[in-house]
Amino acid sequence: MMEEMTRIIPILIAVLTLALAGCGEKSKRYAIQGEVKALDASVKTATIAHGPIGDWMGAMTMEFPVKPDREFQKLHVGDRIEGTVVVNDLSYYVTDVKVVRAAQ
């Protein structure tokens, strides 16, 4: 039994070390420019037609969560915006929103 524990403990330590190594990764931040096509106030998302976003994504139209709520409140359909997309693994959101041309 003791011999098995002696072999298992280093393996468990290695697995735990690898699992925790990914926990400290910082979020990546990218500039975004685009036009607000739709807003969903119930979940605080904006559908944005945007240009390329750094090395993360090509130009397209997609829905983004907007955080915090005060950033979402700045937006109206038709606004041209600049902001920051924060990406952490599979989650992402838009923040630091600046309306560069208001909807008419």
N, C-alpha and C. Protein backbone atom coordinates (compact mmCIF):
# COMPACT_ATOMS: atom_id res chain seq x y z
N MET A 1 0.83 -1.19 0.00
CA MET A 1 0.00 0.00 0.00
C MET A 1 0.87 1.26 0.00
N MET A 2 1.89 1.28 0.84
CA MET A 2 2.77 2.45 0.92
C MET A 2 3.52 2.67 -0.39
N GLU A 3 3.89 1.58 -1.04
CA GLU A 3 4.60 1.68 -2.31
C GLU A 3 3.69 2.31 -3.38
N GLU A 4 2.41 1.94 -3.39
CA GLU A 4 1.46 2.53 -4.33
C GLU A 4 1.30 4.02 -4.08
N MET A 5 1.21 4.41 -2.82
CA MET A 5 1.08 5.83 -2.47
C MET A 5 2.31 6.62 -2.94
N THR A 6 3.47 6.01 -2.80
CA THR A 6 4.71 6.67 -3.20
C THR A 6 4.72 6.93 -4.70
N ARG A 7 4.10 6.07 -5.49
CA ARG A 7 4.05 6.27 -6.94
C ARG A 7 2.92 7.22 -7.33
N ILE A 8 1.81 7.20 -6.63
CA ILE A 8 0.64 8.00 -6.99
C ILE A 8 0.82 9.47 -6.61
N ILE A 9 1.42 9.76 -5.49
CA ILE A 9 1.55 11.15 -5.02
C ILE A 9 2.26 12.04 -6.04
N PRO A 10 3.41 11.65 -6.59
CA PRO A 10 4.04 12.54 -7.60
C PRO A 10 3.16 12.77 -8.83
N ILE A 11 2.40 11.75 -9.21
CA ILE A 11 1.50 11.90 -10.36
C ILE A 11 0.39 12.89 -10.03
N LEU A 12 -0.17 12.78 -8.84
CA LEU A 12 -1.22 13.72 -8.43
C LEU A 12 -0.69 15.15 -8.35
N ILE A 13 0.50 15.32 -7.85
CA ILE A 13 1.11 16.65 -7.78
C ILE A 13 1.30 17.23 -9.17
N ALA A 14 1.77 16.41 -10.11
CA ALA A 14 1.98 16.87 -11.48
C ALA A 14 0.65 17.28 -12.12
N VAL A 15 -0.39 16.47 -11.94
CA VAL A 15 -1.70 16.79 -12.51
C VAL A 15 -2.25 18.07 -11.91
N LEU A 16 -2.15 18.23 -10.61
CA LEU A 16 -2.63 19.44 -9.94
C LEU A 16 -1.86 20.67 -10.41
N THR A 17 -0.56 20.55 -10.57
CA THR A 17 0.26 21.66 -11.05
C THR A 17 -0.17 22.09 -12.44
N LEU A 18 -0.38 21.13 -13.33
CA LEU A 18 -0.82 21.47 -14.69
C LEU A 18 -2.21 22.10 -14.70
N ALA A 19 -3.10 21.60 -13.87
CA ALA A 19 -4.46 22.16 -13.80
C ALA A 19 -4.44 23.59 -13.30
N LEU A 20 -3.63 23.86 -12.31
CA LEU A 20 -3.56 25.22 -11.75
C LEU A 20 -2.78 26.18 -12.63
N ALA A 21 -1.92 25.67 -13.48
CA ALA A 21 -1.12 26.55 -14.34
C ALA A 21 -2.01 27.39 -15.25
N GLY A 22 -3.09 26.83 -15.75
CA GLY A 22 -4.00 27.56 -16.63
C GLY A 22 -4.86 28.57 -15.90
N CYS A 23 -4.99 28.46 -14.59
CA CYS A 23 -5.86 29.35 -13.83
C CYS A 23 -5.32 30.77 -13.75
N GLY A 24 -4.04 30.94 -13.89
CA GLY A 24 -3.46 32.26 -13.74
C GLY A 24 -3.37 33.05 -15.04
N GLU A 25 -3.88 32.49 -16.14
CA GLU A 25 -3.79 33.18 -17.41
C GLU A 25 -4.57 34.48 -17.37
N LYS A 26 -3.97 35.50 -17.94
CA LYS A 26 -4.65 36.79 -17.99
C LYS A 26 -5.55 36.85 -19.21
N SER A 27 -6.56 37.68 -19.09
CA SER A 27 -7.45 37.92 -20.21
C SER A 27 -6.71 38.68 -21.29
N LYS A 28 -7.09 38.43 -22.53
CA LYS A 28 -6.54 39.21 -23.65
C LYS A 28 -7.53 40.32 -23.96
N ARG A 29 -7.01 41.45 -24.38
CA ARG A 29 -7.84 42.62 -24.69
C ARG A 29 -7.56 43.04 -26.13
N TYR A 30 -8.64 43.31 -26.87
CA TYR A 30 -8.54 43.71 -28.27
C TYR A 30 -9.41 44.93 -28.52
N ALA A 31 -8.96 45.79 -29.41
CA ALA A 31 -9.78 46.92 -29.84
C ALA A 31 -10.88 46.41 -30.77
N ILE A 32 -12.06 47.02 -30.66
CA ILE A 32 -13.17 46.69 -31.56
C ILE A 32 -13.76 47.99 -32.08
N GLN A 33 -14.13 47.97 -33.35
CA GLN A 33 -14.84 49.08 -33.98
C GLN A 33 -15.98 48.48 -34.78
N GLY A 34 -17.14 49.10 -34.69
CA GLY A 34 -18.26 48.56 -35.44
C GLY A 34 -19.53 49.36 -35.27
N GLU A 35 -20.61 48.78 -35.76
CA GLU A 35 -21.93 49.41 -35.68
C GLU A 35 -22.89 48.51 -34.92
N VAL A 36 -23.63 49.11 -33.99
CA VAL A 36 -24.61 48.37 -33.20
C VAL A 36 -25.82 48.09 -34.09
N LYS A 37 -26.13 46.82 -34.26
CA LYS A 37 -27.25 46.40 -35.10
C LYS A 37 -28.49 46.05 -34.29
N ALA A 38 -28.31 45.58 -33.05
CA ALA A 38 -29.43 45.22 -32.19
C ALA A 38 -28.96 45.23 -30.75
N LEU A 39 -29.93 45.42 -29.84
CA LEU A 39 -29.65 45.41 -28.40
C LEU A 39 -30.66 44.51 -27.71
N ASP A 40 -30.21 43.78 -26.70
CA ASP A 40 -31.11 42.98 -25.87
C ASP A 40 -30.87 43.36 -24.42
N ALA A 41 -31.74 44.24 -23.92
CA ALA A 41 -31.58 44.77 -22.56
C ALA A 41 -31.77 43.69 -21.49
N SER A 42 -32.51 42.64 -21.79
CA SER A 42 -32.77 41.61 -20.78
C SER A 42 -31.50 40.84 -20.41
N VAL A 43 -30.56 40.74 -21.34
CA VAL A 43 -29.32 40.02 -21.05
C VAL A 43 -28.08 40.90 -21.29
N LYS A 44 -28.31 42.18 -21.56
CA LYS A 44 -27.22 43.17 -21.76
C LYS A 44 -26.24 42.73 -22.85
N THR A 45 -26.81 42.43 -24.05
CA THR A 45 -25.97 42.09 -25.19
C THR A 45 -26.23 43.05 -26.33
N ALA A 46 -25.20 43.23 -27.15
CA ALA A 46 -25.30 44.07 -28.34
C ALA A 46 -24.84 43.24 -29.54
N THR A 47 -25.62 43.27 -30.61
CA THR A 47 -25.19 42.66 -31.86
C THR A 47 -24.43 43.73 -32.61
N ILE A 48 -23.17 43.44 -32.92
CA ILE A 48 -22.27 44.44 -33.50
C ILE A 48 -21.70 43.90 -34.80
N ALA A 49 -21.82 44.70 -35.88
CA ALA A 49 -21.13 44.43 -37.14
C ALA A 49 -19.76 45.06 -37.00
N HIS A 50 -18.73 44.24 -36.89
CA HIS A 50 -17.40 44.75 -36.58
C HIS A 50 -16.37 44.34 -37.61
N GLY A 51 -15.28 45.07 -37.63
CA GLY A 51 -14.13 44.72 -38.45
C GLY A 51 -13.31 43.64 -37.75
N PRO A 52 -12.15 43.30 -38.31
CA PRO A 52 -11.28 42.31 -37.67
C PRO A 52 -10.94 42.73 -36.24
N ILE A 53 -10.86 41.74 -35.35
CA ILE A 53 -10.51 41.99 -33.95
C ILE A 53 -9.17 41.31 -33.69
N GLY A 54 -8.10 42.09 -33.84
CA GLY A 54 -6.75 41.57 -33.61
C GLY A 54 -6.51 40.25 -34.30
N ASP A 55 -5.84 39.34 -33.58
CA ASP A 55 -5.60 38.00 -34.11
C ASP A 55 -6.65 37.02 -33.60
N TRP A 56 -7.73 37.56 -33.01
CA TRP A 56 -8.74 36.72 -32.39
C TRP A 56 -9.88 36.36 -33.34
N MET A 57 -10.31 37.30 -34.19
CA MET A 57 -11.50 37.06 -34.99
C MET A 57 -11.51 37.96 -36.23
N GLY A 58 -12.05 37.43 -37.31
CA GLY A 58 -12.23 38.22 -38.52
C GLY A 58 -13.48 39.08 -38.44
N ALA A 59 -13.68 39.90 -39.46
CA ALA A 59 -14.86 40.78 -39.52
C ALA A 59 -16.13 39.94 -39.65
N MET A 60 -17.17 40.32 -38.90
CA MET A 60 -18.47 39.65 -38.96
C MET A 60 -19.47 40.42 -38.11
N THR A 61 -20.68 39.93 -38.07
CA THR A 61 -21.71 40.49 -37.19
C THR A 61 -22.03 39.42 -36.15
N MET A 62 -21.93 39.79 -34.88
CA MET A 62 -22.23 38.82 -33.82
C MET A 62 -22.65 39.53 -32.55
N GLU A 63 -23.18 38.75 -31.63
CA GLU A 63 -23.68 39.26 -30.36
C GLU A 63 -22.56 39.23 -29.31
N PHE A 64 -22.45 40.32 -28.57
CA PHE A 64 -21.46 40.43 -27.50
C PHE A 64 -22.15 40.83 -26.20
N PRO A 65 -21.82 40.17 -25.09
CA PRO A 65 -22.22 40.72 -23.80
C PRO A 65 -21.52 42.06 -23.61
N VAL A 66 -22.15 43.01 -22.95
CA VAL A 66 -21.55 44.33 -22.69
C VAL A 66 -21.51 44.51 -21.17
N LYS A 67 -20.33 44.80 -20.64
CA LYS A 67 -20.15 44.95 -19.19
C LYS A 67 -19.35 46.20 -18.89
N PRO A 68 -19.56 46.82 -17.78
CA PRO A 68 -20.68 46.69 -16.86
C PRO A 68 -21.93 47.34 -17.44
N ASP A 69 -23.01 47.35 -16.68
CA ASP A 69 -24.29 47.86 -17.16
C ASP A 69 -24.20 49.29 -17.68
N ARG A 70 -23.38 50.13 -17.06
CA ARG A 70 -23.28 51.54 -17.49
C ARG A 70 -22.74 51.63 -18.92
N GLU A 71 -21.93 50.67 -19.34
CA GLU A 71 -21.44 50.65 -20.72
C GLU A 71 -22.58 50.29 -21.67
N PHE A 72 -23.41 49.33 -21.28
CA PHE A 72 -24.55 48.95 -22.11
C PHE A 72 -25.50 50.12 -22.29
N GLN A 73 -25.70 50.90 -21.23
CA GLN A 73 -26.65 52.03 -21.27
C GLN A 73 -26.25 53.09 -22.29
N LYS A 74 -25.00 53.16 -22.70
CA LYS A 74 -24.52 54.14 -23.68
C LYS A 74 -25.01 53.84 -25.10
N LEU A 75 -25.42 52.61 -25.35
CA LEU A 75 -25.63 52.15 -26.72
C LEU A 75 -27.05 52.32 -27.24
N HIS A 76 -27.12 52.61 -28.55
CA HIS A 76 -28.38 52.66 -29.28
C HIS A 76 -28.16 51.99 -30.64
N VAL A 77 -29.20 51.36 -31.17
CA VAL A 77 -29.10 50.74 -32.48
C VAL A 77 -28.69 51.80 -33.49
N GLY A 78 -27.70 51.49 -34.31
CA GLY A 78 -27.21 52.41 -35.33
C GLY A 78 -25.95 53.15 -34.91
N ASP A 79 -25.60 53.15 -33.62
CA ASP A 79 -24.38 53.81 -33.16
C ASP A 79 -23.14 53.15 -33.77
N ARG A 80 -22.18 53.99 -34.16
CA ARG A 80 -20.84 53.51 -34.50
C ARG A 80 -20.04 53.60 -33.21
N ILE A 81 -19.35 52.51 -32.87
CA ILE A 81 -18.65 52.48 -31.59
C ILE A 81 -17.20 52.04 -31.72
N GLU A 82 -16.45 52.37 -30.70
CA GLU A 82 -15.12 51.81 -30.46
C GLU A 82 -15.15 51.29 -29.04
N GLY A 83 -14.38 50.27 -28.78
CA GLY A 83 -14.34 49.72 -27.43
C GLY A 83 -13.26 48.67 -27.31
N THR A 84 -13.39 47.89 -26.27
CA THR A 84 -12.43 46.83 -25.98
C THR A 84 -13.18 45.52 -25.81
N VAL A 85 -12.68 44.47 -26.45
CA VAL A 85 -13.21 43.12 -26.23
C VAL A 85 -12.24 42.42 -25.28
N VAL A 86 -12.76 41.91 -24.18
CA VAL A 86 -11.96 41.15 -23.21
C VAL A 86 -12.26 39.68 -23.44
N VAL A 87 -11.21 38.89 -23.70
CA VAL A 87 -11.36 37.48 -24.01
C VAL A 87 -10.62 36.66 -22.95
N ASN A 88 -11.33 35.69 -22.38
CA ASN A 88 -10.74 34.78 -21.40
C ASN A 88 -11.21 33.38 -21.77
N ASP A 89 -10.35 32.63 -22.42
CA ASP A 89 -10.70 31.30 -22.93
C ASP A 89 -11.91 31.40 -23.84
N LEU A 90 -13.03 30.81 -23.47
CA LEU A 90 -14.22 30.81 -24.32
C LEU A 90 -15.20 31.93 -23.99
N SER A 91 -14.95 32.67 -22.93
CA SER A 91 -15.85 33.78 -22.60
C SER A 91 -15.26 35.10 -23.10
N TYR A 92 -16.15 36.04 -23.39
CA TYR A 92 -15.73 37.34 -23.91
C TYR A 92 -16.82 38.35 -23.62
N TYR A 93 -16.43 39.62 -23.62
CA TYR A 93 -17.40 40.70 -23.48
C TYR A 93 -16.79 42.01 -23.97
N VAL A 94 -17.66 42.98 -24.25
CA VAL A 94 -17.22 44.31 -24.69
C VAL A 94 -17.32 45.26 -23.51
N THR A 95 -16.32 46.14 -23.39
CA THR A 95 -16.32 47.15 -22.35
C THR A 95 -15.62 48.40 -22.88
N ASP A 96 -15.49 49.42 -22.06
CA ASP A 96 -14.82 50.68 -22.44
C ASP A 96 -15.40 51.25 -23.74
N VAL A 97 -16.72 51.29 -23.83
CA VAL A 97 -17.41 51.70 -25.06
C VAL A 97 -17.36 53.21 -25.23
N LYS A 98 -17.07 53.60 -26.48
CA LYS A 98 -17.11 55.01 -26.84
C LYS A 98 -17.96 55.13 -28.11
N VAL A 99 -19.03 55.89 -28.06
CA VAL A 99 -19.86 56.13 -29.25
C VAL A 99 -19.16 57.19 -30.08
N VAL A 100 -18.75 56.83 -31.30
CA VAL A 100 -18.04 57.77 -32.16
C VAL A 100 -18.97 58.47 -33.14
N ARG A 101 -20.12 57.86 -33.42
CA ARG A 101 -21.15 58.50 -34.22
C ARG A 101 -22.49 57.95 -33.78
N ALA A 102 -23.29 58.80 -33.22
CA ALA A 102 -24.59 58.37 -32.69
C ALA A 102 -25.55 58.03 -33.82
N ALA A 103 -26.48 57.14 -33.52
CA ALA A 103 -27.53 56.77 -34.47
C ALA A 103 -28.35 58.00 -34.82
N GLN A 104 -28.80 58.08 -36.07
CA GLN A 104 -29.57 59.24 -36.51
C GLN A 104 -31.02 58.92 -36.65
